[in-house]
Every structure is written in C-alpha cells, then in structure tokens.
Protein backbone atom coordinates (compact mmCIF):
# COMPACT_ATOMS: atom_id res chain seq x y z
CA MET A 1 0.71 -0.10 0.10
CA ILE A 2 1.46 3.33 -0.62
CA PHE A 3 1.27 5.94 2.19
CA LYS A 4 3.13 9.66 0.39
CA ILE A 5 2.06 11.15 -2.73
CA ARG A 6 3.79 14.28 -5.42
CA THR A 7 1.38 17.01 -6.07
CA SER A 8 1.90 18.51 -9.68
CA LYS A 9 3.94 21.11 -9.85
CA LYS A 10 1.35 23.34 -10.66
CA THR A 11 -0.69 22.49 -7.30
CA MET A 12 2.10 23.21 -5.97
CA SER A 13 2.67 26.75 -6.29
CA ILE A 14 -1.41 27.41 -6.00
CA PHE A 15 -0.46 26.09 -2.51
CA GLU A 16 2.36 28.07 -1.92
CA GLU A 17 0.54 31.27 -3.24
CA ILE A 18 -2.33 30.64 -0.61
CA ALA A 19 -0.26 29.49 1.91
CA ALA A 20 2.16 33.45 2.08
CA SER A 21 -1.45 34.78 2.10
CA THR A 22 -3.49 32.64 5.14
CA ASN A 23 -0.47 30.64 6.29
CA TYR A 24 -2.97 27.47 5.80
CA ALA A 25 -0.65 24.19 5.65
CA PRO A 26 -0.45 22.68 2.40
CA PHE A 27 -2.64 19.43 4.32
CA ILE A 28 -5.64 22.18 4.59
CA LEU A 29 -5.53 23.17 1.40
CA SER A 30 -5.07 19.68 0.27
CA LYS A 31 -8.75 18.67 2.34
CA LEU A 32 -10.58 21.67 0.47
CA SER A 33 -8.82 21.24 -2.53
CA ILE A 34 -10.40 17.56 -2.82
CA SER A 35 -13.70 18.56 -1.37
CA LEU A 36 -14.11 20.89 -4.17
CA SER A 37 -13.38 18.80 -7.12
CA ILE A 38 -15.42 15.96 -5.84
CA LYS A 39 -18.56 18.31 -4.92
CA SER A 40 -18.06 19.43 -8.74
CA GLU A 41 -19.80 16.45 -9.08
CA LYS A 42 -17.70 16.09 -12.56
CA PRO A 43 -16.66 12.47 -13.10
CA LEU A 44 -13.06 13.16 -13.59
CA GLU A 45 -11.72 13.04 -17.65
CA ASP A 46 -8.44 11.14 -19.00
CA ALA A 47 -6.48 14.82 -18.62
CA ASP A 48 -7.32 14.74 -14.58
CA PHE A 49 -4.68 11.83 -14.45
CA LYS A 50 -1.67 13.05 -16.55
CA THR A 51 -0.42 15.89 -14.35
CA ASP A 52 3.10 15.32 -13.05
CA THR A 53 4.92 14.32 -9.62
CA TYR A 54 7.20 17.36 -9.36
CA GLY A 55 5.49 19.47 -6.43
CA LEU A 56 4.54 18.49 -2.92
CA GLU A 57 5.34 15.14 -1.21
CA LEU A 58 2.39 14.66 0.97
CA ASN A 59 1.79 11.23 3.79
CA ARG A 60 -1.55 9.65 3.20
CA GLN A 61 -1.96 10.35 6.82
CA THR A 62 -1.83 14.04 7.18
CA ILE A 63 -4.47 13.99 3.96
CA THR A 64 -7.21 11.70 4.78
CA ALA A 65 -5.93 10.82 8.39
CA GLU A 66 -8.87 8.98 10.06
CA TRP A 67 -10.96 9.58 7.83
CA ASP A 68 -9.25 8.03 5.08
CA GLY A 69 -12.08 5.12 4.47
CA LEU A 70 -14.49 8.55 4.35
CA TYR A 71 -12.39 10.20 1.16
CA LYS A 72 -12.01 6.70 -0.97
CA CYS A 73 -16.49 6.35 -0.16
CA LEU A 74 -16.60 9.36 -1.11
CA ILE A 75 -14.63 9.26 -4.53
CA SER A 76 -16.05 5.72 -5.49
CA MET A 77 -19.55 7.99 -5.36
CA ALA A 78 -17.92 10.20 -7.93
CA GLU A 79 -16.92 7.70 -10.04
CA LYS A 80 -19.88 5.66 -9.89
CA ARG A 81 -17.72 2.72 -9.50
CA HIS A 82 -15.80 0.63 -6.91
CA ILE A 83 -12.30 2.27 -6.57
CA GLU A 84 -10.01 -0.41 -5.38
CA ASP A 85 -7.12 0.37 -3.23
CA ASP A 86 -4.20 0.22 -4.94
CA GLU A 87 -5.69 2.78 -7.34
CA TYR A 88 -7.18 4.91 -4.56
CA PHE A 89 -4.70 6.57 -3.72
CA GLN A 90 -2.02 7.15 -5.80
CA LYS A 91 -4.49 8.11 -8.92
CA TYR A 92 -8.04 9.02 -8.06
CA LEU A 93 -6.89 11.00 -4.94
CA LYS A 94 -4.07 12.73 -6.46
CA ALA A 95 -6.25 13.39 -9.65
CA HIS A 96 -9.28 15.11 -7.33
CA LEU A 97 -6.45 17.12 -5.06
CA ASP A 98 -4.48 18.17 -8.38
CA ARG A 99 -8.28 19.19 -10.15
CA GLY A 100 -9.40 21.02 -6.83
CA ALA A 101 -6.46 23.29 -6.27
CA ASN A 102 -6.93 24.46 -9.19
CA MET A 103 -11.02 25.16 -8.44
CA LEU A 104 -9.00 26.35 -4.78
CA TYR A 105 -7.16 29.19 -6.88
CA SER A 106 -9.89 30.64 -8.08
CA GLU A 107 -11.66 31.10 -5.73
CA PHE A 108 -9.09 32.48 -3.65
CA LYS A 109 -7.78 35.24 -6.32
CA TYR A 110 -11.84 36.21 -6.84
CA ASN A 111 -12.98 35.86 -3.42
CA LYS A 112 -11.81 38.56 0.29
CA ASP A 113 -12.57 35.33 2.18
CA PHE A 114 -12.69 32.54 0.41
CA ILE A 115 -13.45 30.37 2.74
CA LEU A 116 -16.35 31.81 3.88
CA ALA A 117 -17.16 31.99 0.43
CA LEU A 118 -16.85 28.06 -0.13
CA ILE A 119 -18.32 27.74 3.50
CA ASN A 120 -21.39 30.15 2.14
CA GLU A 121 -22.17 28.56 -1.12
CA LYS A 122 -25.38 26.63 -1.34
CA LYS A 123 -23.49 22.99 -1.44
CA GLY A 124 -21.17 24.13 1.33
CA ILE A 125 -17.39 22.14 0.57
C-alpha cells in the first residue's frame, strides 16, 4: 500500500501562493481541494490523471487521517464505481487533489475571504 503522493508542480505553486497569504498548511489546502473536486460532481477526465509529480510530497495520514475510508467512499460515489485500494490513493485521490487545487485557486483569487465564500455556497464544502 502506498502512503505518499506528490502533487503536480502547478498544485505546489498554488498552495505556496495561498499559504503565503493565509498561513494555511498544505494538508489543509489538500483537504479543501479534494472536497471542491468531489463537490463539483464532474467525473474525472483522462487529463486529470496525467499531471506531473514534481510538487509537494504529502503523506496519506496527513491528508486523510482517520477519515481515509470516508474519502475513499466519497471518491467511489463520485466516480460511480468501486475503487480498489491500490488505485484509490495514488491515482484517484491525487487526481481530485490536483483538479481541486485549480478550483481552490479560483476561489482564492476572486473572493476576499475565500473560506467564508466556500462555506456559504449553496452546497458548502
């Protein structure tokens, strides 16, 4: 079982920019990114799986902690299929994290208090 992933270089840049303004750690930004991607209700596309691995190294325990089973369930439900353990973290969670980072960056750029904006959305995060 794999316990570490590397984000894309773009995700790393996004997290660095947001962290410089907010002091949010990468594990917090990771959780927000994954949540936004899943919440979008758009299935992952082939391009979402073809991101580089030149970014931050993140530990599975740091990202999902005791909620790992919940994340796996939510991703399986979003993909409308059973996801095997060997593809869940390295493939699907990483794809949602990188795709969600772009969504998070848009919220960050266009809302003064982007966390409040995310919470007050119709569906919330």
